[in-house]
All heavy atoms as atom14 arrays in JSON, in Angstrom:
{
  "sequence": "GPPPRTIGEFAGQAYPASKDDLALEPAEQ",
  "atom14_mask": [
    [1, 1, 1, 1, 0, 0, 0, 0, 0, 0, 0, 0, 0, 0],
    [1, 1, 1, 1, 1, 1, 1, 0, 0, 0, 0, 0, 0, 0],
    [1, 1, 1, 1, 1, 1, 1, 0, 0, 0, 0, 0, 0, 0],
    [1, 1, 1, 1, 1, 1, 1, 0, 0, 0, 0, 0, 0, 0],
    [1, 1, 1, 1, 1, 1, 1, 1, 1, 1, 1, 0, 0, 0],
    [1, 1, 1, 1, 1, 1, 1, 0, 0, 0, 0, 0, 0, 0],
    [1, 1, 1, 1, 1, 1, 1, 1, 0, 0, 0, 0, 0, 0],
    [1, 1, 1, 1, 0, 0, 0, 0, 0, 0, 0, 0, 0, 0],
    [1, 1, 1, 1, 1, 1, 1, 1, 1, 0, 0, 0, 0, 0],
    [1, 1, 1, 1, 1, 1, 1, 1, 1, 1, 1, 0, 0, 0],
    [1, 1, 1, 1, 1, 0, 0, 0, 0, 0, 0, 0, 0, 0],
    [1, 1, 1, 1, 0, 0, 0, 0, 0, 0, 0, 0, 0, 0],
    [1, 1, 1, 1, 1, 1, 1, 1, 1, 0, 0, 0, 0, 0],
    [1, 1, 1, 1, 1, 0, 0, 0, 0, 0, 0, 0, 0, 0],
    [1, 1, 1, 1, 1, 1, 1, 1, 1, 1, 1, 1, 0, 0],
    [1, 1, 1, 1, 1, 1, 1, 0, 0, 0, 0, 0, 0, 0],
    [1, 1, 1, 1, 1, 0, 0, 0, 0, 0, 0, 0, 0, 0],
    [1, 1, 1, 1, 1, 1, 0, 0, 0, 0, 0, 0, 0, 0],
    [1, 1, 1, 1, 1, 1, 1, 1, 1, 0, 0, 0, 0, 0],
    [1, 1, 1, 1, 1, 1, 1, 1, 0, 0, 0, 0, 0, 0],
    [1, 1, 1, 1, 1, 1, 1, 1, 0, 0, 0, 0, 0, 0],
    [1, 1, 1, 1, 1, 1, 1, 1, 0, 0, 0, 0, 0, 0],
    [1, 1, 1, 1, 1, 0, 0, 0, 0, 0, 0, 0, 0, 0],
    [1, 1, 1, 1, 1, 1, 1, 1, 0, 0, 0, 0, 0, 0],
    [1, 1, 1, 1, 1, 1, 1, 1, 1, 0, 0, 0, 0, 0],
    [1, 1, 1, 1, 1, 1, 1, 0, 0, 0, 0, 0, 0, 0],
    [1, 1, 1, 1, 1, 0, 0, 0, 0, 0, 0, 0, 0, 0],
    [1, 1, 1, 1, 1, 1, 1, 1, 1, 0, 0, 0, 0, 0],
    [1, 1, 1, 1, 1, 1, 1, 1, 1, 0, 0, 0, 0, 0]
  ],
  "atom14_positions": [
    [[87.5, 117.79, 151.99], [88.34, 118.38, 153.03], [88.99, 117.32, 153.89], [88.91, 116.12, 153.61], [0.0, 0.0, 0.0], [0.0, 0.0, 0.0], [0.0, 0.0, 0.0], [0.0, 0.0, 0.0], [0.0, 0.0, 0.0], [0.0, 0.0, 0.0], [0.0, 0.0, 0.0], [0.0, 0.0, 0.0], [0.0, 0.0, 0.0], [0.0, 0.0, 0.0]],
    [[89.65, 117.74, 154.96], [90.35, 116.78, 155.83], [89.39, 115.72, 156.37], [88.25, 116.03, 156.71], [90.91, 117.66, 156.96], [90.95, 119.04, 156.4], [89.8, 119.13, 155.44], [0.0, 0.0, 0.0], [0.0, 0.0, 0.0], [0.0, 0.0, 0.0], [0.0, 0.0, 0.0], [0.0, 0.0, 0.0], [0.0, 0.0, 0.0], [0.0, 0.0, 0.0]],
    [[89.86, 114.48, 156.47], [88.98, 113.42, 157.0], [88.81, 113.57, 158.5], [89.59, 114.24, 159.17], [89.75, 112.14, 156.65], [91.19, 112.57, 156.66], [91.2, 113.97, 156.12], [0.0, 0.0, 0.0], [0.0, 0.0, 0.0], [0.0, 0.0, 0.0], [0.0, 0.0, 0.0], [0.0, 0.0, 0.0], [0.0, 0.0, 0.0], [0.0, 0.0, 0.0]],
    [[87.79, 112.93, 159.06], [87.62, 112.94, 160.53], [88.84, 112.31, 161.2], [89.46, 111.4, 160.67], [86.37, 112.09, 160.75], [85.66, 112.07, 159.43], [86.72, 112.17, 158.39], [0.0, 0.0, 0.0], [0.0, 0.0, 0.0], [0.0, 0.0, 0.0], [0.0, 0.0, 0.0], [0.0, 0.0, 0.0], [0.0, 0.0, 0.0], [0.0, 0.0, 0.0]],
    [[89.16, 112.81, 162.39], [90.28, 112.27, 163.15], [89.83, 111.19, 164.13], [90.64, 110.39, 164.6], [91.0, 113.39, 163.89], [91.71, 114.38, 162.99], [92.17, 115.59, 163.76], [91.03, 116.31, 164.34], [91.14, 117.4, 165.09], [92.32, 117.88, 165.38], [90.05, 117.98, 165.58], [0.0, 0.0, 0.0], [0.0, 0.0, 0.0], [0.0, 0.0, 0.0]],
    [[88.55, 111.19, 164.46], [88.02, 110.2, 165.39], [86.7, 109.68, 164.86], [86.06, 110.29, 163.99], [87.78, 110.82, 166.78], [86.75, 111.81, 166.69], [89.06, 111.48, 167.31], [0.0, 0.0, 0.0], [0.0, 0.0, 0.0], [0.0, 0.0, 0.0], [0.0, 0.0, 0.0], [0.0, 0.0, 0.0], [0.0, 0.0, 0.0], [0.0, 0.0, 0.0]],
    [[86.27, 108.54, 165.4], [84.98, 107.99, 165.0], [83.85, 108.91, 165.45], [82.81, 109.02, 164.78], [84.81, 106.57, 165.58], [85.81, 105.62, 164.92], [83.41, 106.05, 165.38], [85.65, 105.51, 163.41], [0.0, 0.0, 0.0], [0.0, 0.0, 0.0], [0.0, 0.0, 0.0], [0.0, 0.0, 0.0], [0.0, 0.0, 0.0], [0.0, 0.0, 0.0]],
    [[84.04, 109.57, 166.58], [83.02, 110.53, 167.02], [82.83, 111.64, 166.01], [81.69, 112.04, 165.71], [0.0, 0.0, 0.0], [0.0, 0.0, 0.0], [0.0, 0.0, 0.0], [0.0, 0.0, 0.0], [0.0, 0.0, 0.0], [0.0, 0.0, 0.0], [0.0, 0.0, 0.0], [0.0, 0.0, 0.0], [0.0, 0.0, 0.0], [0.0, 0.0, 0.0]],
    [[83.93, 112.15, 165.47], [83.82, 113.19, 164.44], [83.13, 112.64, 163.19], [82.31, 113.33, 162.57], [85.21, 113.71, 164.07], [85.87, 114.59, 165.13], [87.19, 115.16, 164.64], [87.46, 115.08, 163.43], [87.95, 115.68, 165.48], [0.0, 0.0, 0.0], [0.0, 0.0, 0.0], [0.0, 0.0, 0.0], [0.0, 0.0, 0.0], [0.0, 0.0, 0.0]],
    [[83.46, 111.4, 162.82], [82.84, 110.79, 161.65], [81.33, 110.65, 161.84], [80.54, 110.93, 160.94], [83.48, 109.43, 161.38], [82.85, 108.65, 160.26], [82.67, 109.22, 159.01], [82.43, 107.34, 160.46], [82.09, 108.5, 157.97], [81.85, 106.61, 159.44], [81.68, 107.19, 158.19], [0.0, 0.0, 0.0], [0.0, 0.0, 0.0], [0.0, 0.0, 0.0]],
    [[80.94, 110.22, 163.03], [79.5, 110.04, 163.29], [78.75, 111.35, 163.15], [77.59, 111.37, 162.7], [79.3, 109.46, 164.69], [0.0, 0.0, 0.0], [0.0, 0.0, 0.0], [0.0, 0.0, 0.0], [0.0, 0.0, 0.0], [0.0, 0.0, 0.0], [0.0, 0.0, 0.0], [0.0, 0.0, 0.0], [0.0, 0.0, 0.0], [0.0, 0.0, 0.0]],
    [[79.38, 112.47, 163.51], [78.69, 113.75, 163.45], [78.92, 114.52, 162.16], [78.44, 115.65, 162.01], [0.0, 0.0, 0.0], [0.0, 0.0, 0.0], [0.0, 0.0, 0.0], [0.0, 0.0, 0.0], [0.0, 0.0, 0.0], [0.0, 0.0, 0.0], [0.0, 0.0, 0.0], [0.0, 0.0, 0.0], [0.0, 0.0, 0.0], [0.0, 0.0, 0.0]],
    [[79.68, 113.94, 161.22], [80.0, 114.65, 159.97], [78.75, 114.79, 159.11], [77.99, 113.85, 158.93], [81.07, 113.87, 159.2], [81.54, 114.53, 157.93], [82.72, 115.45, 158.14], [83.46, 115.3, 159.09], [82.88, 116.41, 157.27], [0.0, 0.0, 0.0], [0.0, 0.0, 0.0], [0.0, 0.0, 0.0], [0.0, 0.0, 0.0], [0.0, 0.0, 0.0]],
    [[78.56, 115.99, 158.56], [77.43, 116.24, 157.65], [77.93, 116.11, 156.22], [78.67, 116.97, 155.72], [76.85, 117.62, 157.9], [0.0, 0.0, 0.0], [0.0, 0.0, 0.0], [0.0, 0.0, 0.0], [0.0, 0.0, 0.0], [0.0, 0.0, 0.0], [0.0, 0.0, 0.0], [0.0, 0.0, 0.0], [0.0, 0.0, 0.0], [0.0, 0.0, 0.0]],
    [[77.54, 115.04, 155.53], [77.98, 114.8, 154.17], [76.94, 115.32, 153.17], [75.74, 115.41, 153.49], [78.24, 113.32, 153.94], [79.49, 112.83, 154.63], [79.43, 111.95, 155.71], [80.74, 113.26, 154.21], [80.59, 111.51, 156.34], [81.91, 112.83, 154.84], [81.82, 111.96, 155.9], [82.96, 111.53, 156.53], [0.0, 0.0, 0.0], [0.0, 0.0, 0.0]],
    [[77.38, 115.66, 151.95], [76.43, 116.15, 150.94], [75.3, 115.15, 150.71], [75.52, 113.94, 150.7], [77.3, 116.32, 149.69], [78.69, 116.51, 150.22], [78.77, 115.67, 151.45], [0.0, 0.0, 0.0], [0.0, 0.0, 0.0], [0.0, 0.0, 0.0], [0.0, 0.0, 0.0], [0.0, 0.0, 0.0], [0.0, 0.0, 0.0], [0.0, 0.0, 0.0]],
    [[74.12, 115.68, 150.49], [72.96, 114.81, 150.29], [72.88, 114.28, 148.87], [72.29, 113.23, 148.63], [71.67, 115.56, 150.64], [0.0, 0.0, 0.0], [0.0, 0.0, 0.0], [0.0, 0.0, 0.0], [0.0, 0.0, 0.0], [0.0, 0.0, 0.0], [0.0, 0.0, 0.0], [0.0, 0.0, 0.0], [0.0, 0.0, 0.0], [0.0, 0.0, 0.0]],
    [[73.47, 115.0, 147.91], [73.41, 114.56, 146.52], [74.65, 115.04, 145.79], [75.45, 115.83, 146.32], [72.16, 115.12, 145.84], [72.28, 116.54, 145.68], [0.0, 0.0, 0.0], [0.0, 0.0, 0.0], [0.0, 0.0, 0.0], [0.0, 0.0, 0.0], [0.0, 0.0, 0.0], [0.0, 0.0, 0.0], [0.0, 0.0, 0.0], [0.0, 0.0, 0.0]],
    [[74.79, 114.59, 144.53], [75.97, 114.98, 143.75], [76.01, 116.48, 143.5], [77.09, 117.05, 143.31], [75.96, 114.22, 142.42], [74.82, 114.63, 141.47], [74.91, 113.9, 140.15], [73.81, 114.38, 139.19], [73.9, 113.72, 137.88], [0.0, 0.0, 0.0], [0.0, 0.0, 0.0], [0.0, 0.0, 0.0], [0.0, 0.0, 0.0], [0.0, 0.0, 0.0]],
    [[74.86, 117.13, 143.48], [74.83, 118.57, 143.21], [75.51, 119.37, 144.32], [75.87, 120.54, 144.12], [73.38, 119.05, 143.05], [72.71, 118.4, 141.85], [73.44, 118.06, 140.89], [71.48, 118.21, 141.88], [0.0, 0.0, 0.0], [0.0, 0.0, 0.0], [0.0, 0.0, 0.0], [0.0, 0.0, 0.0], [0.0, 0.0, 0.0], [0.0, 0.0, 0.0]],
    [[75.64, 118.76, 145.49], [76.27, 119.46, 146.62], [77.78, 119.26, 146.66], [78.45, 119.81, 147.53], [75.66, 118.97, 147.94], [74.17, 119.28, 148.03], [73.77, 120.34, 147.54], [73.43, 118.44, 148.58], [0.0, 0.0, 0.0], [0.0, 0.0, 0.0], [0.0, 0.0, 0.0], [0.0, 0.0, 0.0], [0.0, 0.0, 0.0], [0.0, 0.0, 0.0]],
    [[78.3, 118.46, 145.72], [79.74, 118.23, 145.68], [80.44, 119.36, 144.92], [79.93, 119.84, 143.91], [80.07, 116.9, 145.0], [79.62, 115.62, 145.73], [79.81, 114.4, 144.83], [80.42, 115.45, 147.02], [0.0, 0.0, 0.0], [0.0, 0.0, 0.0], [0.0, 0.0, 0.0], [0.0, 0.0, 0.0], [0.0, 0.0, 0.0], [0.0, 0.0, 0.0]],
    [[81.6, 119.75, 145.4], [82.37, 120.82, 144.74], [83.18, 120.23, 143.61], [84.42, 120.26, 143.59], [83.27, 121.5, 145.76], [0.0, 0.0, 0.0], [0.0, 0.0, 0.0], [0.0, 0.0, 0.0], [0.0, 0.0, 0.0], [0.0, 0.0, 0.0], [0.0, 0.0, 0.0], [0.0, 0.0, 0.0], [0.0, 0.0, 0.0], [0.0, 0.0, 0.0]],
    [[82.47, 119.65, 142.59], [83.13, 118.96, 141.49], [82.51, 119.39, 140.17], [81.38, 119.89, 140.12], [82.97, 117.44, 141.65], [83.54, 116.8, 142.93], [83.08, 115.34, 143.01], [85.06, 116.88, 142.93], [0.0, 0.0, 0.0], [0.0, 0.0, 0.0], [0.0, 0.0, 0.0], [0.0, 0.0, 0.0], [0.0, 0.0, 0.0], [0.0, 0.0, 0.0]],
    [[83.26, 119.17, 139.09], [82.72, 119.38, 137.76], [81.63, 118.34, 137.48], [81.65, 117.25, 138.06], [83.84, 119.26, 136.72], [84.93, 120.31, 136.83], [84.39, 121.71, 136.59], [83.47, 121.85, 135.74], [84.87, 122.66, 137.23], [0.0, 0.0, 0.0], [0.0, 0.0, 0.0], [0.0, 0.0, 0.0], [0.0, 0.0, 0.0], [0.0, 0.0, 0.0]],
    [[80.69, 118.66, 136.59], [79.57, 117.73, 136.33], [80.02, 116.32, 135.97], [79.45, 115.34, 136.45], [78.83, 118.4, 135.16], [79.12, 119.86, 135.35], [80.51, 119.94, 135.88], [0.0, 0.0, 0.0], [0.0, 0.0, 0.0], [0.0, 0.0, 0.0], [0.0, 0.0, 0.0], [0.0, 0.0, 0.0], [0.0, 0.0, 0.0], [0.0, 0.0, 0.0]],
    [[81.06, 116.2, 135.14], [81.52, 114.86, 134.75], [82.05, 114.1, 135.97], [81.79, 112.9, 136.13], [82.6, 114.97, 133.68], [0.0, 0.0, 0.0], [0.0, 0.0, 0.0], [0.0, 0.0, 0.0], [0.0, 0.0, 0.0], [0.0, 0.0, 0.0], [0.0, 0.0, 0.0], [0.0, 0.0, 0.0], [0.0, 0.0, 0.0], [0.0, 0.0, 0.0]],
    [[82.78, 114.8, 136.83], [83.29, 114.17, 138.03], [82.16, 113.81, 138.99], [82.22, 112.78, 139.66], [84.29, 115.11, 138.72], [85.64, 115.2, 138.06], [86.43, 113.92, 138.29], [87.02, 113.76, 139.38], [86.44, 113.07, 137.38], [0.0, 0.0, 0.0], [0.0, 0.0, 0.0], [0.0, 0.0, 0.0], [0.0, 0.0, 0.0], [0.0, 0.0, 0.0]],
    [[81.15, 114.65, 139.05], [80.01, 114.36, 139.92], [79.37, 113.03, 139.54], [79.1, 112.18, 140.4], [78.97, 115.48, 139.82], [79.39, 116.78, 140.49], [78.32, 117.85, 140.35], [77.37, 117.69, 139.59], [78.48, 118.94, 141.07], [0.0, 0.0, 0.0], [0.0, 0.0, 0.0], [0.0, 0.0, 0.0], [0.0, 0.0, 0.0], [0.0, 0.0, 0.0]]
  ]
}
């Protein structure tokens, strides 16, 4: 999705913990 607009937003961003949480096909993961 859209990237953070500020460093504060980046610091608080919750990123996927593993490849299984990515909205991608298995090969892309």
